[in-house]
C-alpha atoms as a PDB file:
ATOM      1  CA  UNK A   1      -3.277  10.942 -17.731  1.00  0.00           C
ATOM      2  CA  UNK A   2      -4.230   8.405 -15.105  1.00  0.00           C
ATOM      3  CA  UNK A   3      -6.977   6.008 -15.994  1.00  0.00           C
ATOM      4  CA  UNK A   4      -8.908   3.759 -13.680  1.00  0.00           C
ATOM      5  CA  UNK A   5      -9.397   0.046 -13.813  1.00  0.00           C
ATOM      6  CA  UNK A   6     -12.884  -0.473 -15.191  1.00  0.00           C
ATOM      7  CA  UNK A   7     -12.593  -4.267 -15.460  1.00  0.00           C
ATOM      8  CA  UNK A   8     -14.857  -5.803 -12.793  1.00  0.00           C
ATOM      9  CA  UNK A   9     -13.160  -8.049 -10.251  1.00  0.00           C
ATOM     10  CA  UNK A  10     -15.181 -11.251  -9.969  1.00  0.00           C
ATOM     11  CA  UNK A  11     -15.558 -12.844  -6.563  1.00  0.00           C
ATOM     12  CA  UNK A  12     -14.388 -16.228  -7.845  1.00  0.00           C
ATOM     13  CA  UNK A  13     -11.259 -14.658  -9.329  1.00  0.00           C
ATOM     14  CA  UNK A  14     -10.577 -12.757  -6.122  1.00  0.00           C
ATOM     15  CA  UNK A  15     -10.735 -16.014  -4.157  1.00  0.00           C
ATOM     16  CA  UNK A  16      -8.343 -17.711  -6.575  1.00  0.00           C
ATOM     17  CA  UNK A  17      -5.873 -14.828  -6.500  1.00  0.00           C
ATOM     18  CA  UNK A  18      -5.926 -14.513  -2.722  1.00  0.00           C
ATOM     19  CA  UNK A  19      -5.358 -18.261  -2.471  1.00  0.00           C
ATOM     20  CA  UNK A  20      -2.318 -17.954  -4.736  1.00  0.00           C
ATOM     21  CA  UNK A  21      -1.016 -14.932  -2.848  1.00  0.00           C
ATOM     22  CA  UNK A  22      -1.092 -16.918   0.403  1.00  0.00           C
ATOM     23  CA  UNK A  23       1.814 -19.022  -0.939  1.00  0.00           C
ATOM     24  CA  UNK A  24       4.121 -15.995  -1.223  1.00  0.00           C
ATOM     25  CA  UNK A  25       6.619 -15.097   1.563  1.00  0.00           C
ATOM     26  CA  UNK A  26       5.007 -11.730   2.242  1.00  0.00           C
ATOM     27  CA  UNK A  27       2.594 -12.764   4.979  1.00  0.00           C
ATOM     28  CA  UNK A  28       5.342 -13.809   7.403  1.00  0.00           C
ATOM     29  CA  UNK A  29       7.055 -10.405   7.439  1.00  0.00           C
ATOM     30  CA  UNK A  30       3.704  -8.627   7.694  1.00  0.00           C
ATOM     31  CA  UNK A  31       2.740 -10.784  10.675  1.00  0.00           C
ATOM     32  CA  UNK A  32       5.963  -9.760  12.408  1.00  0.00           C
ATOM     33  CA  UNK A  33       5.112  -6.111  11.824  1.00  0.00           C
ATOM     34  CA  UNK A  34       1.523  -6.583  13.020  1.00  0.00           C
ATOM     35  CA  UNK A  35       2.735  -8.253  16.209  1.00  0.00           C
ATOM     36  CA  UNK A  36       3.302  -4.691  17.451  1.00  0.00           C
ATOM     37  CA  UNK A  37      -0.380  -3.889  16.922  1.00  0.00           C
ATOM     38  CA  UNK A  38      -2.966  -3.713  14.154  1.00  0.00           C
ATOM     39  CA  UNK A  39      -1.627  -0.364  12.922  1.00  0.00           C
ATOM     40  CA  UNK A  40       1.844   1.128  12.864  1.00  0.00           C
ATOM     41  CA  UNK A  41       2.145   4.248  15.019  1.00  0.00           C
ATOM     42  CA  UNK A  42       4.588   6.487  13.144  1.00  0.00           C
ATOM     43  CA  UNK A  43       5.462   8.499  16.258  1.00  0.00           C
ATOM     44  CA  UNK A  44       6.529   5.348  18.129  1.00  0.00           C
ATOM     45  CA  UNK A  45      10.284   4.727  17.609  1.00  0.00           C
ATOM     46  CA  UNK A  46       9.893   0.945  17.993  1.00  0.00           C
ATOM     47  CA  UNK A  47       7.130   0.910  15.394  1.00  0.00           C
ATOM     48  CA  UNK A  48       9.171   3.016  12.980  1.00  0.00           C
ATOM     49  CA  UNK A  49      12.185   0.731  13.297  1.00  0.00           C
ATOM     50  CA  UNK A  50      10.019  -2.332  12.590  1.00  0.00           C
ATOM     51  CA  UNK A  51       8.322  -0.543   9.694  1.00  0.00           C
ATOM     52  CA  UNK A  52      11.549  -0.009   7.762  1.00  0.00           C
ATOM     53  CA  UNK A  53      12.658  -3.591   8.364  1.00  0.00           C
ATOM     54  CA  UNK A  54       9.311  -4.703   6.910  1.00  0.00           C
ATOM     55  CA  UNK A  55       9.607  -2.327   3.961  1.00  0.00           C
ATOM     56  CA  UNK A  56      13.012  -3.827   3.174  1.00  0.00           C
ATOM     57  CA  UNK A  57      11.481  -7.323   3.349  1.00  0.00           C
ATOM     58  CA  UNK A  58       8.807  -6.174   0.905  1.00  0.00           C
ATOM     59  CA  UNK A  59      11.404  -5.088  -1.633  1.00  0.00           C
ATOM     60  CA  UNK A  60      11.676  -1.344  -0.937  1.00  0.00           C
ATOM     61  CA  UNK A  61      15.365  -0.784  -1.572  1.00  0.00           C
ATOM     62  CA  UNK A  62      15.100   2.985  -1.225  1.00  0.00           C
ATOM     63  CA  UNK A  63      15.109   2.478   2.546  1.00  0.00           C
ATOM     64  CA  UNK A  64      18.798   1.588   2.769  1.00  0.00           C
ATOM     65  CA  UNK A  65      19.593   0.238   6.224  1.00  0.00           C
ATOM     66  CA  UNK A  66      22.321   2.801   6.793  1.00  0.00           C
ATOM     67  CA  UNK A  67      19.708   5.542   6.337  1.00  0.00           C
ATOM     68  CA  UNK A  68      16.799   4.142   8.345  1.00  0.00           C
ATOM     69  CA  UNK A  69      17.221   6.976  10.836  1.00  0.00           C
ATOM     70  CA  UNK A  70      16.894   9.512   8.004  1.00  0.00           C
ATOM     71  CA  UNK A  71      13.703   7.895   6.719  1.00  0.00           C
ATOM     72  CA  UNK A  72      12.430   7.694  10.290  1.00  0.00           C
ATOM     73  CA  UNK A  73      12.974  11.431  10.807  1.00  0.00           C
ATOM     74  CA  UNK A  74      11.156  12.144   7.543  1.00  0.00           C
ATOM     75  CA  UNK A  75       8.218  10.042   8.676  1.00  0.00           C
ATOM     76  CA  UNK A  76       8.022  11.907  11.984  1.00  0.00           C
ATOM     77  CA  UNK A  77       7.936  15.245  10.166  1.00  0.00           C
ATOM     78  CA  UNK A  78       5.273  13.956   7.792  1.00  0.00           C
ATOM     79  CA  UNK A  79       3.224  12.644  10.719  1.00  0.00           C
ATOM     80  CA  UNK A  80       3.182  16.029  12.443  1.00  0.00           C
ATOM     81  CA  UNK A  81       1.352  17.470   9.446  1.00  0.00           C
ATOM     82  CA  UNK A  82      -0.774  14.601   8.159  1.00  0.00           C
ATOM     83  CA  UNK A  83      -1.689  12.047  10.829  1.00  0.00           C
ATOM     84  CA  UNK A  84      -4.456  14.189  12.294  1.00  0.00           C
ATOM     85  CA  UNK A  85      -5.967  14.536   8.814  1.00  0.00           C
ATOM     86  CA  UNK A  86      -6.081  10.818   8.041  1.00  0.00           C
ATOM     87  CA  UNK A  87      -9.172   8.707   8.796  1.00  0.00           C
ATOM     88  CA  UNK A  88      -9.057   6.909  12.141  1.00  0.00           C
ATOM     89  CA  UNK A  89      -8.101   3.222  12.483  1.00  0.00           C
ATOM     90  CA  UNK A  90     -11.749   2.188  12.686  1.00  0.00           C
ATOM     91  CA  UNK A  91     -12.673   3.866   9.377  1.00  0.00           C
ATOM     92  CA  UNK A  92     -12.750   1.843   6.161  1.00  0.00           C
ATOM     93  CA  UNK A  93     -11.916   2.929   2.627  1.00  0.00           C
ATOM     94  CA  UNK A  94     -15.497   2.353   1.515  1.00  0.00           C
ATOM     95  CA  UNK A  95     -16.710   4.773   4.228  1.00  0.00           C
ATOM     96  CA  UNK A  96     -14.808   7.724   2.791  1.00  0.00           C
ATOM     97  CA  UNK A  97     -16.252  10.594   0.797  1.00  0.00           C
ATOM     98  CA  UNK A  98     -14.605  11.859  -2.379  1.00  0.00           C
ATOM     99  CA  UNK A  99     -13.151  14.777  -0.428  1.00  0.00           C
ATOM    100  CA  UNK A 100     -11.676  12.489   2.221  1.00  0.00           C
ATOM    101  CA  UNK A 101     -10.062  10.340  -0.462  1.00  0.00           C
ATOM    102  CA  UNK A 102      -8.491  13.465  -1.963  1.00  0.00           C
ATOM    103  CA  UNK A 103      -6.988  14.270   1.446  1.00  0.00           C
ATOM    104  CA  UNK A 104      -5.604  10.727   1.622  1.00  0.00           C
ATOM    105  CA  UNK A 105      -4.057  11.198  -1.821  1.00  0.00           C
ATOM    106  CA  UNK A 106      -2.483  14.489  -0.713  1.00  0.00           C
ATOM    107  CA  UNK A 107      -1.019  12.760   2.355  1.00  0.00           C
ATOM    108  CA  UNK A 108       0.384  10.072   0.080  1.00  0.00           C
ATOM    109  CA  UNK A 109       1.934  12.676  -2.225  1.00  0.00           C
ATOM    110  CA  UNK A 110       3.648  14.437   0.658  1.00  0.00           C
ATOM    111  CA  UNK A 111       5.088  11.152   1.902  1.00  0.00           C
ATOM    112  CA  UNK A 112       6.049  10.066  -1.636  1.00  0.00           C
ATOM    113  CA  UNK A 113       8.312  13.103  -1.906  1.00  0.00           C
ATOM    114  CA  UNK A 114       9.856  12.735   1.569  1.00  0.00           C
ATOM    115  CA  UNK A 115      13.539  11.831   1.892  1.00  0.00           C
ATOM    116  CA  UNK A 116      14.270   8.135   2.493  1.00  0.00           C
ATOM    117  CA  UNK A 117      18.032   7.875   1.945  1.00  0.00           C
ATOM    118  CA  UNK A 118      21.041   9.160   0.020  1.00  0.00           C
ATOM    119  CA  UNK A 119      22.665   7.472  -2.964  1.00  0.00           C
ATOM    120  CA  UNK A 120      26.409   8.126  -3.405  1.00  0.00           C
ATOM    121  CA  UNK A 121      27.517   9.088  -6.898  1.00  0.00           C
ATOM    122  CA  UNK A 122      30.868   8.488  -8.654  1.00  0.00           C
ATOM    123  CA  UNK A 123      31.518  12.233  -8.376  1.00  0.00           C
ATOM    124  CA  UNK A 124      31.593  11.925  -4.614  1.00  0.00           C
ATOM    125  CA  UNK A 125      28.297  13.702  -4.181  1.00  0.00           C
ATOM    126  CA  UNK A 126      25.073  11.999  -3.103  1.00  0.00           C
ATOM    127  CA  UNK A 127      21.554  12.348  -4.458  1.00  0.00           C
ATOM    128  CA  UNK A 128      18.389  12.228  -2.382  1.00  0.00           C
ATOM    129  CA  UNK A 129      16.231   9.133  -2.672  1.00  0.00           C
ATOM    130  CA  UNK A 130      12.593   9.624  -1.703  1.00  0.00           C
ATOM    131  CA  UNK A 131       9.969   7.256  -0.299  1.00  0.00           C
ATOM    132  CA  UNK A 132       8.565   7.083  -3.815  1.00  0.00           C
ATOM    133  CA  UNK A 133       5.178   5.842  -4.947  1.00  0.00           C
ATOM    134  CA  UNK A 134       5.632   2.237  -3.795  1.00  0.00           C
ATOM    135  CA  UNK A 135       7.237   3.105  -0.466  1.00  0.00           C
ATOM    136  CA  UNK A 136       4.620   5.721   0.392  1.00  0.00           C
ATOM    137  CA  UNK A 137       1.681   3.431  -0.393  1.00  0.00           C
ATOM    138  CA  UNK A 138       3.143   0.555   1.614  1.00  0.00           C
ATOM    139  CA  UNK A 139       3.874   2.858   4.550  1.00  0.00           C
ATOM    140  CA  UNK A 140       0.329   4.202   4.527  1.00  0.00           C
ATOM    141  CA  UNK A 141      -1.018   0.649   4.352  1.00  0.00           C
ATOM    142  CA  UNK A 142       1.028  -0.169   7.467  1.00  0.00           C
ATOM    143  CA  UNK A 143      -0.407   2.877   9.259  1.00  0.00           C
ATOM    144  CA  UNK A 144      -4.042   2.588   8.114  1.00  0.00           C
ATOM    145  CA  UNK A 145      -4.638  -0.891   6.633  1.00  0.00           C
ATOM    146  CA  UNK A 146      -8.404  -0.416   6.401  1.00  0.00           C
ATOM    147  CA  UNK A 147      -8.001   2.624   4.153  1.00  0.00           C
ATOM    148  CA  UNK A 148      -4.847   2.177   2.086  1.00  0.00           C
ATOM    149  CA  UNK A 149      -3.581  -0.628  -0.134  1.00  0.00           C
ATOM    150  CA  UNK A 150      -0.032  -1.207  -1.383  1.00  0.00           C
ATOM    151  CA  UNK A 151       0.840  -1.037  -5.048  1.00  0.00           C
ATOM    152  CA  UNK A 152       4.020  -1.529  -7.040  1.00  0.00           C
ATOM    153  CA  UNK A 153       5.477  -0.234 -10.278  1.00  0.00           C
ATOM    154  CA  UNK A 154       4.191  -3.098 -12.388  1.00  0.00           C
ATOM    155  CA  UNK A 155       0.630  -2.582 -11.148  1.00  0.00           C
ATOM    156  CA  UNK A 156       0.877   1.129 -11.935  1.00  0.00           C
ATOM    157  CA  UNK A 157       2.274   0.545 -15.418  1.00  0.00           C
ATOM    158  CA  UNK A 158      -0.394  -2.022 -16.230  1.00  0.00           C
ATOM    159  CA  UNK A 159      -3.132   0.396 -15.189  1.00  0.00           C
ATOM    160  CA  UNK A 160      -1.605   3.442 -16.862  1.00  0.00           C
ATOM    161  CA  UNK A 161      -0.947   5.212 -13.572  1.00  0.00           C
ATOM    162  CA  UNK A 162       2.039   7.495 -13.086  1.00  0.00           C
ATOM    163  CA  UNK A 163       2.267   7.249  -9.307  1.00  0.00           C
ATOM    164  CA  UNK A 164       1.294  10.862  -8.626  1.00  0.00           C
ATOM    165  CA  UNK A 165      -1.460  12.008  -6.257  1.00  0.00           C
ATOM    166  CA  UNK A 166      -4.155  11.873  -8.939  1.00  0.00           C
ATOM    167  CA  UNK A 167      -3.348   8.285  -9.861  1.00  0.00           C
ATOM    168  CA  UNK A 168      -3.326   7.257  -6.196  1.00  0.00           C
ATOM    169  CA  UNK A 169      -6.690   8.942  -5.723  1.00  0.00           C
ATOM    170  CA  UNK A 170      -7.960   6.972  -8.727  1.00  0.00           C
ATOM    171  CA  UNK A 171      -6.529   3.770  -7.254  1.00  0.00           C
ATOM    172  CA  UNK A 172      -8.324   4.331  -3.952  1.00  0.00           C
ATOM    173  CA  UNK A 173     -11.614   5.154  -5.666  1.00  0.00           C
ATOM    174  CA  UNK A 174     -11.343   2.127  -7.939  1.00  0.00           C
ATOM    175  CA  UNK A 175     -10.497  -0.145  -4.998  1.00  0.00           C
ATOM    176  CA  UNK A 176     -13.484   1.154  -3.052  1.00  0.00           C
ATOM    177  CA  UNK A 177     -15.729   0.559  -6.059  1.00  0.00           C
ATOM    178  CA  UNK A 178     -14.511  -3.020  -6.472  1.00  0.00           C
ATOM    179  CA  UNK A 179     -15.028  -3.740  -2.780  1.00  0.00           C
ATOM    180  CA  UNK A 180     -18.559  -2.329  -2.715  1.00  0.00           C
ATOM    181  CA  UNK A 181     -19.555  -4.302  -5.793  1.00  0.00           C
ATOM    182  CA  UNK A 182     -17.989  -7.534  -4.510  1.00  0.00           C
ATOM    183  CA  UNK A 183     -19.739  -7.179  -1.159  1.00  0.00           C
ATOM    184  CA  UNK A 184     -23.035  -6.502  -2.904  1.00  0.00           C
ATOM    185  CA  UNK A 185     -22.548  -9.532  -5.140  1.00  0.00           C
ATOM    186  CA  UNK A 186     -21.797 -11.734  -2.120  1.00  0.00           C
ATOM    187  CA  UNK A 187     -24.557 -10.087  -0.053  1.00  0.00           C
ATOM    188  CA  UNK A 188     -22.193  -9.444   2.842  1.00  0.00           C
ATOM    189  CA  UNK A 189     -20.688  -6.303   4.407  1.00  0.00           C
ATOM    190  CA  UNK A 190     -17.349  -5.197   2.974  1.00  0.00           C
ATOM    191  CA  UNK A 191     -15.751  -6.119   6.300  1.00  0.00           C
ATOM    192  CA  UNK A 192     -16.768  -9.765   5.728  1.00  0.00           C
ATOM    193  CA  UNK A 193     -14.933 -10.117   2.401  1.00  0.00           C
ATOM    194  CA  UNK A 194     -11.528 -11.149   3.840  1.00  0.00           C
ATOM    195  CA  UNK A 195     -12.982 -14.150   5.662  1.00  0.00           C
ATOM    196  CA  UNK A 196     -15.179 -14.997   2.695  1.00  0.00           C
ATOM    197  CA  UNK A 197     -12.161 -15.354   0.376  1.00  0.00           C
ATOM    198  CA  UNK A 198     -10.035 -17.172   2.939  1.00  0.00           C
ATOM    199  CA  UNK A 199      -7.858 -14.210   3.946  1.00  0.00           C
ATOM    200  CA  UNK A 200      -9.211 -13.205   7.369  1.00  0.00           C
ATOM    201  CA  UNK A 201      -6.000 -11.380   8.353  1.00  0.00           C
ATOM    202  CA  UNK A 202      -6.069  -9.147   5.289  1.00  0.00           C
ATOM    203  CA  UNK A 203      -7.943  -5.858   5.312  1.00  0.00           C
ATOM    204  CA  UNK A 204     -10.474  -5.304   2.499  1.00  0.00           C
ATOM    205  CA  UNK A 205      -8.174  -2.901   0.579  1.00  0.00           C
ATOM    206  CA  UNK A 206      -5.344  -5.431   0.861  1.00  0.00           C
ATOM    207  CA  UNK A 207      -7.490  -7.972  -1.021  1.00  0.00           C
ATOM    208  CA  UNK A 208      -7.408  -5.675  -4.047  1.00  0.00           C
ATOM    209  CA  UNK A 209      -3.623  -5.493  -3.809  1.00  0.00           C
ATOM    210  CA  UNK A 210      -3.408  -9.290  -3.622  1.00  0.00           C
ATOM    211  CA  UNK A 211      -5.598  -9.595  -6.705  1.00  0.00           C
ATOM    212  CA  UNK A 212      -3.481  -7.029  -8.564  1.00  0.00           C
ATOM    213  CA  UNK A 213      -0.227  -8.630  -7.459  1.00  0.00           C
ATOM    214  CA  UNK A 214      -1.230 -12.061  -8.771  1.00  0.00           C
ATOM    215  CA  UNK A 215      -2.861 -10.872 -12.001  1.00  0.00           C
ATOM    216  CA  UNK A 216      -0.337  -8.150 -12.858  1.00  0.00           C
ATOM    217  CA  UNK A 217       2.950  -8.300 -10.951  1.00  0.00           C
ATOM    218  CA  UNK A 218       3.312 -12.080 -10.850  1.00  0.00           C
ATOM    219  CA  UNK A 219       2.152 -12.504 -14.436  1.00  0.00           C
ATOM    220  CA  UNK A 220       4.592  -9.888 -15.744  1.00  0.00           C
ATOM    221  CA  UNK A 221       7.442 -11.484 -13.795  1.00  0.00           C
ATOM    222  CA  UNK A 222       6.536 -14.815 -15.401  1.00  0.00           C
ATOM    223  CA  UNK A 223       6.480 -13.249 -18.878  1.00  0.00           C
ATOM    224  CA  UNK A 224       9.959 -11.778 -18.381  1.00  0.00           C
ATOM    225  CA  UNK A 225      11.365 -15.148 -17.358  1.00  0.00           C
ATOM    226  CA  UNK A 226       9.892 -16.931 -20.398  1.00  0.00           C
END
């Protein structure tokens, strides 16, 4: 059963985490992707090619370079069904109704199960590798950064989330709740939070990912090394 994160994110902690995140190498590859535009257009071949290069840079090994064309074709097929159902680029996560968030979670689930590559086996056969939970969330973040946030396996495990549609729906609802409360605490609109915490190029949902990455992913990596 998925469970949400009911621990409040404090504004001071968010600032500290976002400051720490800024020292990681992830911003540089994201800036290269965003040089094509503020959102990735999944029907644009140039955008798709850049997307999979960025996903590789962000640690998504399921998108093997030899199979980028396969993942690209899967994304095109997914787009034909789901892009028209997603919120527009100008819409923010905190603007969405519960029903709209469920649609976003369904879009995520469809992409999560889409084919990304093939993995050869000793038998000579190959098994299908899908976008998976991490790859789907990062792809959706690239397409609609004001609505979606990335997550990784360590964040999911720490929160008790399986990576299915229900857990992603919970993640989006929790992120929206944190953002609304933080904006209320700071007495600013949600859209002003990135500049307030020193991350003006990050979308509001991305701030939650940066907080989670520092407090969960980075901390667990440190524990494993010690």
